[in-house]
Amino acid sequence: MKIIDMTNPDRIKRDPDEIMILVESGNFKEQGFVIQKISLRLFIEKQDAKLGSYSLITSLVETDQGEVEMIYDEGYRGENALGRAGNFLMANLGLSSIILRSIIALRSKN
């Protein structure tokens, strides 16, 4: 089962422009869910001559009981938007909030 937790899922109905894998151990357990993989996915939606690329960054959490993809950030974020978002998550305990939000979404659908 894959849950897409956003108002317009058509925005991500293509391959992402870039993927950053944050966790890929497959043996991390949280509240009965085995977290297999956590990644950030970058979708460039449009270009502006002055502002640059409009980025949609989603988080994708893959567990033994399903997957959840949700918006992490979006906007004109400049160069290396995905790298900066990933570094921020890893340095500021952001992974735990993404994991917990994903578990809540999976539990609400079961």
N, C-alpha and C. Protein backbone atom coordinates (compact mmCIF):
# COMPACT_ATOMS: atom_id res chain seq x y z
N MET A 1 0.84 -1.17 0.00
CA MET A 1 0.00 0.00 0.00
C MET A 1 0.90 1.24 0.00
N LYS A 2 0.56 2.21 -0.85
CA LYS A 2 1.28 3.48 -0.87
C LYS A 2 0.29 4.61 -0.62
N ILE A 3 0.61 5.42 0.38
CA ILE A 3 -0.20 6.59 0.70
C ILE A 3 0.53 7.81 0.18
N ILE A 4 -0.17 8.62 -0.60
CA ILE A 4 0.38 9.90 -1.05
C ILE A 4 -0.38 10.97 -0.29
N ASP A 5 0.30 11.58 0.66
CA ASP A 5 -0.32 12.53 1.59
C ASP A 5 -0.09 13.96 1.10
N MET A 6 -0.85 14.34 0.05
CA MET A 6 -0.81 15.71 -0.46
C MET A 6 -2.10 15.96 -1.22
N THR A 7 -2.46 17.23 -1.34
CA THR A 7 -3.75 17.56 -1.94
C THR A 7 -3.79 17.28 -3.44
N ASN A 8 -2.67 17.37 -4.14
CA ASN A 8 -2.64 17.11 -5.57
C ASN A 8 -1.56 16.08 -5.90
N PRO A 9 -1.89 14.80 -5.81
CA PRO A 9 -0.89 13.76 -6.05
C PRO A 9 -0.38 13.72 -7.49
N ASP A 10 -1.07 14.38 -8.42
CA ASP A 10 -0.61 14.40 -9.81
C ASP A 10 0.74 15.10 -9.94
N ARG A 11 1.10 15.90 -8.97
CA ARG A 11 2.38 16.62 -9.02
C ARG A 11 3.57 15.68 -8.99
N ILE A 12 3.38 14.47 -8.49
CA ILE A 12 4.51 13.53 -8.39
C ILE A 12 4.27 12.26 -9.21
N LYS A 13 3.43 12.34 -10.22
CA LYS A 13 3.17 11.17 -11.06
C LYS A 13 4.18 11.08 -12.20
N ARG A 14 5.42 11.27 -11.87
CA ARG A 14 6.53 11.09 -12.81
C ARG A 14 7.76 10.75 -11.98
N ASP A 15 8.80 10.35 -12.66
CA ASP A 15 10.05 10.08 -11.95
C ASP A 15 10.61 11.38 -11.40
N PRO A 16 11.16 11.35 -10.20
CA PRO A 16 11.75 12.57 -9.64
C PRO A 16 13.01 12.97 -10.42
N ASP A 17 13.33 14.25 -10.35
CA ASP A 17 14.54 14.75 -11.00
C ASP A 17 15.79 14.32 -10.24
N GLU A 18 15.64 14.13 -8.95
CA GLU A 18 16.78 13.72 -8.12
C GLU A 18 16.25 13.03 -6.86
N ILE A 19 17.02 12.08 -6.34
CA ILE A 19 16.67 11.35 -5.11
C ILE A 19 17.86 11.37 -4.17
N MET A 20 17.58 11.62 -2.89
CA MET A 20 18.62 11.55 -1.86
C MET A 20 18.17 10.53 -0.82
N ILE A 21 18.91 9.45 -0.67
CA ILE A 21 18.57 8.42 0.31
C ILE A 21 19.18 8.82 1.65
N LEU A 22 18.33 8.87 2.67
CA LEU A 22 18.77 9.26 4.01
C LEU A 22 19.04 8.06 4.90
N VAL A 23 18.19 7.03 4.80
CA VAL A 23 18.33 5.81 5.60
C VAL A 23 17.98 4.64 4.70
N GLU A 24 18.79 3.59 4.75
CA GLU A 24 18.51 2.42 3.93
C GLU A 24 18.97 1.14 4.63
N SER A 25 18.76 1.08 5.92
CA SER A 25 19.24 -0.08 6.68
C SER A 25 18.26 -1.24 6.64
N GLY A 26 16.97 -0.94 6.66
CA GLY A 26 15.97 -1.99 6.63
C GLY A 26 15.72 -2.70 7.94
N ASN A 27 16.35 -2.27 9.01
CA ASN A 27 16.16 -2.97 10.28
C ASN A 27 15.87 -2.02 11.44
N PHE A 28 15.49 -0.82 11.16
CA PHE A 28 15.14 0.14 12.20
C PHE A 28 13.66 -0.02 12.52
N LYS A 29 13.33 -0.19 13.79
CA LYS A 29 11.95 -0.44 14.18
C LYS A 29 11.42 0.73 15.01
N GLU A 30 10.19 1.16 14.69
CA GLU A 30 9.53 2.24 15.40
C GLU A 30 8.05 1.91 15.53
N GLN A 31 7.59 1.74 16.76
CA GLN A 31 6.17 1.48 17.07
C GLN A 31 5.60 0.32 16.26
N GLY A 32 6.38 -0.73 16.10
CA GLY A 32 5.90 -1.92 15.40
C GLY A 32 6.09 -1.88 13.90
N PHE A 33 6.63 -0.82 13.35
CA PHE A 33 6.88 -0.69 11.93
C PHE A 33 8.38 -0.83 11.68
N VAL A 34 8.75 -1.65 10.70
CA VAL A 34 10.16 -1.74 10.31
C VAL A 34 10.40 -0.70 9.22
N ILE A 35 11.26 0.26 9.52
CA ILE A 35 11.57 1.32 8.57
C ILE A 35 12.67 0.79 7.65
N GLN A 36 12.32 0.61 6.39
CA GLN A 36 13.26 0.02 5.45
C GLN A 36 14.09 1.06 4.72
N LYS A 37 13.47 2.20 4.39
CA LYS A 37 14.18 3.21 3.61
C LYS A 37 13.49 4.56 3.78
N ILE A 38 14.29 5.62 3.88
CA ILE A 38 13.77 6.99 3.91
C ILE A 38 14.55 7.78 2.87
N SER A 39 13.81 8.44 1.99
CA SER A 39 14.48 9.24 0.96
C SER A 39 13.74 10.55 0.75
N LEU A 40 14.47 11.51 0.22
CA LEU A 40 13.89 12.77 -0.24
C LEU A 40 13.89 12.72 -1.76
N ARG A 41 12.82 13.23 -2.36
CA ARG A 41 12.68 13.21 -3.82
C ARG A 41 12.42 14.63 -4.30
N LEU A 42 13.18 15.06 -5.29
CA LEU A 42 13.09 16.41 -5.83
C LEU A 42 12.38 16.39 -7.17
N PHE A 43 11.35 17.21 -7.28
CA PHE A 43 10.63 17.41 -8.54
C PHE A 43 10.75 18.89 -8.90
N ILE A 44 11.40 19.19 -10.02
CA ILE A 44 11.47 20.56 -10.51
C ILE A 44 10.19 20.81 -11.29
N GLU A 45 9.39 21.78 -10.84
CA GLU A 45 8.08 21.99 -11.46
C GLU A 45 8.09 23.09 -12.51
N LYS A 46 8.91 24.11 -12.32
CA LYS A 46 8.97 25.19 -13.31
C LYS A 46 10.24 25.99 -13.12
N GLN A 47 10.53 26.80 -14.11
CA GLN A 47 11.71 27.66 -14.09
C GLN A 47 11.27 29.12 -14.20
N ASP A 48 11.94 29.98 -13.47
CA ASP A 48 11.70 31.42 -13.54
C ASP A 48 13.04 32.08 -13.86
N ALA A 49 13.02 33.05 -14.77
CA ALA A 49 14.26 33.70 -15.19
C ALA A 49 14.99 34.36 -14.02
N LYS A 50 14.25 34.92 -13.09
CA LYS A 50 14.87 35.61 -11.96
C LYS A 50 15.06 34.71 -10.74
N LEU A 51 14.05 33.89 -10.46
CA LEU A 51 14.06 33.11 -9.22
C LEU A 51 14.69 31.72 -9.37
N GLY A 52 14.81 31.24 -10.57
CA GLY A 52 15.39 29.91 -10.79
C GLY A 52 14.34 28.81 -10.77
N SER A 53 14.71 27.66 -10.27
CA SER A 53 13.83 26.48 -10.27
C SER A 53 12.85 26.51 -9.11
N TYR A 54 11.59 26.12 -9.41
CA TYR A 54 10.61 25.90 -8.35
C TYR A 54 10.68 24.42 -7.99
N SER A 55 11.08 24.14 -6.76
CA SER A 55 11.32 22.77 -6.32
C SER A 55 10.19 22.27 -5.43
N LEU A 56 9.75 21.04 -5.69
CA LEU A 56 8.88 20.31 -4.78
C LEU A 56 9.72 19.17 -4.23
N ILE A 57 9.91 19.15 -2.91
CA ILE A 57 10.68 18.09 -2.27
C ILE A 57 9.72 17.26 -1.42
N THR A 58 9.69 15.96 -1.69
CA THR A 58 8.84 15.07 -0.91
C THR A 58 9.71 14.12 -0.10
N SER A 59 9.14 13.63 0.98
CA SER A 59 9.80 12.55 1.74
C SER A 59 9.05 11.26 1.42
N LEU A 60 9.79 10.20 1.26
CA LEU A 60 9.21 8.88 1.02
C LEU A 60 9.75 7.94 2.09
N VAL A 61 8.83 7.43 2.92
CA VAL A 61 9.19 6.49 3.98
C VAL A 61 8.63 5.13 3.59
N GLU A 62 9.51 4.14 3.46
CA GLU A 62 9.11 2.79 3.10
C GLU A 62 9.22 1.90 4.33
N THR A 63 8.12 1.23 4.67
CA THR A 63 8.09 0.35 5.84
C THR A 63 7.65 -1.04 5.41
N ASP A 64 7.67 -1.96 6.36
CA ASP A 64 7.19 -3.31 6.09
C ASP A 64 5.67 -3.35 5.94
N GLN A 65 4.98 -2.25 6.29
CA GLN A 65 3.52 -2.22 6.22
C GLN A 65 2.98 -1.21 5.22
N GLY A 66 3.85 -0.65 4.40
CA GLY A 66 3.42 0.28 3.37
C GLY A 66 4.37 1.46 3.24
N GLU A 67 4.05 2.33 2.30
CA GLU A 67 4.87 3.50 2.01
C GLU A 67 4.04 4.76 2.17
N VAL A 68 4.72 5.85 2.57
CA VAL A 68 4.05 7.15 2.68
C VAL A 68 4.94 8.18 2.01
N GLU A 69 4.35 8.91 1.07
CA GLU A 69 5.05 10.03 0.45
C GLU A 69 4.28 11.30 0.76
N MET A 70 5.00 12.31 1.24
CA MET A 70 4.36 13.57 1.60
C MET A 70 5.28 14.74 1.26
N ILE A 71 4.70 15.91 1.17
CA ILE A 71 5.49 17.11 0.88
C ILE A 71 6.37 17.42 2.07
N TYR A 72 7.65 17.63 1.79
CA TYR A 72 8.57 18.10 2.83
C TYR A 72 8.78 19.61 2.69
N ASP A 73 8.99 20.10 1.48
CA ASP A 73 9.25 21.52 1.26
C ASP A 73 8.96 21.84 -0.20
N GLU A 74 8.68 23.09 -0.47
CA GLU A 74 8.53 23.52 -1.85
C GLU A 74 8.76 25.01 -1.96
N GLY A 75 9.14 25.43 -3.15
CA GLY A 75 9.37 26.84 -3.42
C GLY A 75 10.62 27.04 -4.24
N TYR A 76 10.97 28.28 -4.43
CA TYR A 76 12.20 28.64 -5.13
C TYR A 76 13.33 28.53 -4.10
N ARG A 77 14.05 27.45 -4.13
CA ARG A 77 15.04 27.14 -3.09
C ARG A 77 16.48 27.25 -3.56
N GLY A 78 16.70 27.66 -4.80
CA GLY A 78 18.06 27.86 -5.29
C GLY A 78 18.75 26.55 -5.64
N GLU A 79 20.05 26.67 -5.83
CA GLU A 79 20.87 25.51 -6.20
C GLU A 79 21.00 24.54 -5.02
N ASN A 80 21.10 23.27 -5.34
CA ASN A 80 21.30 22.20 -4.36
C ASN A 80 20.22 22.17 -3.27
N ALA A 81 18.98 22.41 -3.68
CA ALA A 81 17.87 22.43 -2.72
C ALA A 81 17.74 21.08 -2.00
N LEU A 82 17.90 20.00 -2.73
CA LEU A 82 17.74 18.67 -2.13
C LEU A 82 18.85 18.39 -1.12
N GLY A 83 20.07 18.71 -1.47
CA GLY A 83 21.20 18.49 -0.56
C GLY A 83 21.06 19.28 0.73
N ARG A 84 20.65 20.54 0.61
CA ARG A 84 20.47 21.36 1.81
C ARG A 84 19.34 20.83 2.68
N ALA A 85 18.24 20.40 2.05
CA ALA A 85 17.12 19.85 2.82
C ALA A 85 17.53 18.57 3.55
N GLY A 86 18.27 17.71 2.87
CA GLY A 86 18.73 16.47 3.50
C GLY A 86 19.68 16.71 4.65
N ASN A 87 20.60 17.64 4.46
CA ASN A 87 21.54 17.97 5.54
C ASN A 87 20.81 18.55 6.75
N PHE A 88 19.82 19.40 6.49
CA PHE A 88 19.04 19.98 7.58
C PHE A 88 18.31 18.89 8.36
N LEU A 89 17.68 17.96 7.65
CA LEU A 89 16.96 16.86 8.30
C LEU A 89 17.88 16.03 9.18
N MET A 90 19.03 15.68 8.65
CA MET A 90 19.95 14.82 9.39
C MET A 90 20.55 15.52 10.60
N ALA A 91 20.71 16.84 10.53
CA ALA A 91 21.35 17.58 11.62
C ALA A 91 20.38 18.03 12.71
N ASN A 92 19.09 18.01 12.42
CA ASN A 92 18.12 18.61 13.34
C ASN A 92 16.99 17.68 13.77
N LEU A 93 17.25 16.40 13.84
CA LEU A 93 16.25 15.41 14.29
C LEU A 93 14.98 15.43 13.45
N GLY A 94 15.09 15.85 12.20
CA GLY A 94 13.94 15.88 11.32
C GLY A 94 13.46 14.51 10.91
N LEU A 95 14.35 13.52 10.92
CA LEU A 95 13.94 12.17 10.54
C LEU A 95 12.86 11.62 11.46
N SER A 96 12.98 11.89 12.75
CA SER A 96 11.99 11.36 13.69
C SER A 96 10.60 11.92 13.40
N SER A 97 10.50 13.18 13.03
CA SER A 97 9.18 13.75 12.73
C SER A 97 8.61 13.16 11.45
N ILE A 98 9.45 12.94 10.45
CA ILE A 98 8.97 12.33 9.21
C ILE A 98 8.51 10.89 9.47
N ILE A 99 9.26 10.15 10.26
CA ILE A 99 8.87 8.77 10.59
C ILE A 99 7.54 8.75 11.34
N LEU A 100 7.41 9.60 12.34
CA LEU A 100 6.17 9.61 13.13
C LEU A 100 4.96 10.04 12.29
N ARG A 101 5.12 11.04 11.44
CA ARG A 101 4.02 11.45 10.56
C ARG A 101 3.62 10.31 9.63
N SER A 102 4.59 9.58 9.14
CA SER A 102 4.31 8.45 8.25
C SER A 102 3.59 7.32 8.97
N ILE A 103 4.01 7.03 10.18
CA ILE A 103 3.34 5.99 10.97
C ILE A 103 1.90 6.38 11.26
N ILE A 104 1.67 7.63 11.60
CA ILE A 104 0.30 8.11 11.83
C ILE A 104 -0.54 7.92 10.57
N ALA A 105 0.01 8.27 9.40
CA ALA A 105 -0.73 8.12 8.14
C ALA A 105 -1.03 6.65 7.86
N LEU A 106 -0.06 5.76 8.08
CA LEU A 106 -0.29 4.33 7.84
C LEU A 106 -1.33 3.76 8.80
N ARG A 107 -1.27 4.16 10.05
CA ARG A 107 -2.26 3.66 11.03
C ARG A 107 -3.66 4.15 10.70
N SER A 108 -3.78 5.36 10.21
CA SER A 108 -5.11 5.91 9.91
C SER A 108 -5.75 5.23 8.70
N LYS A 109 -4.94 4.63 7.83
CA LYS A 109 -5.46 3.95 6.64
C LYS A 109 -5.74 2.47 6.89
N ASN A 110 -5.25 1.93 8.00
CA ASN A 110 -5.46 0.50 8.30
C ASN A 110 -6.69 0.27 9.11
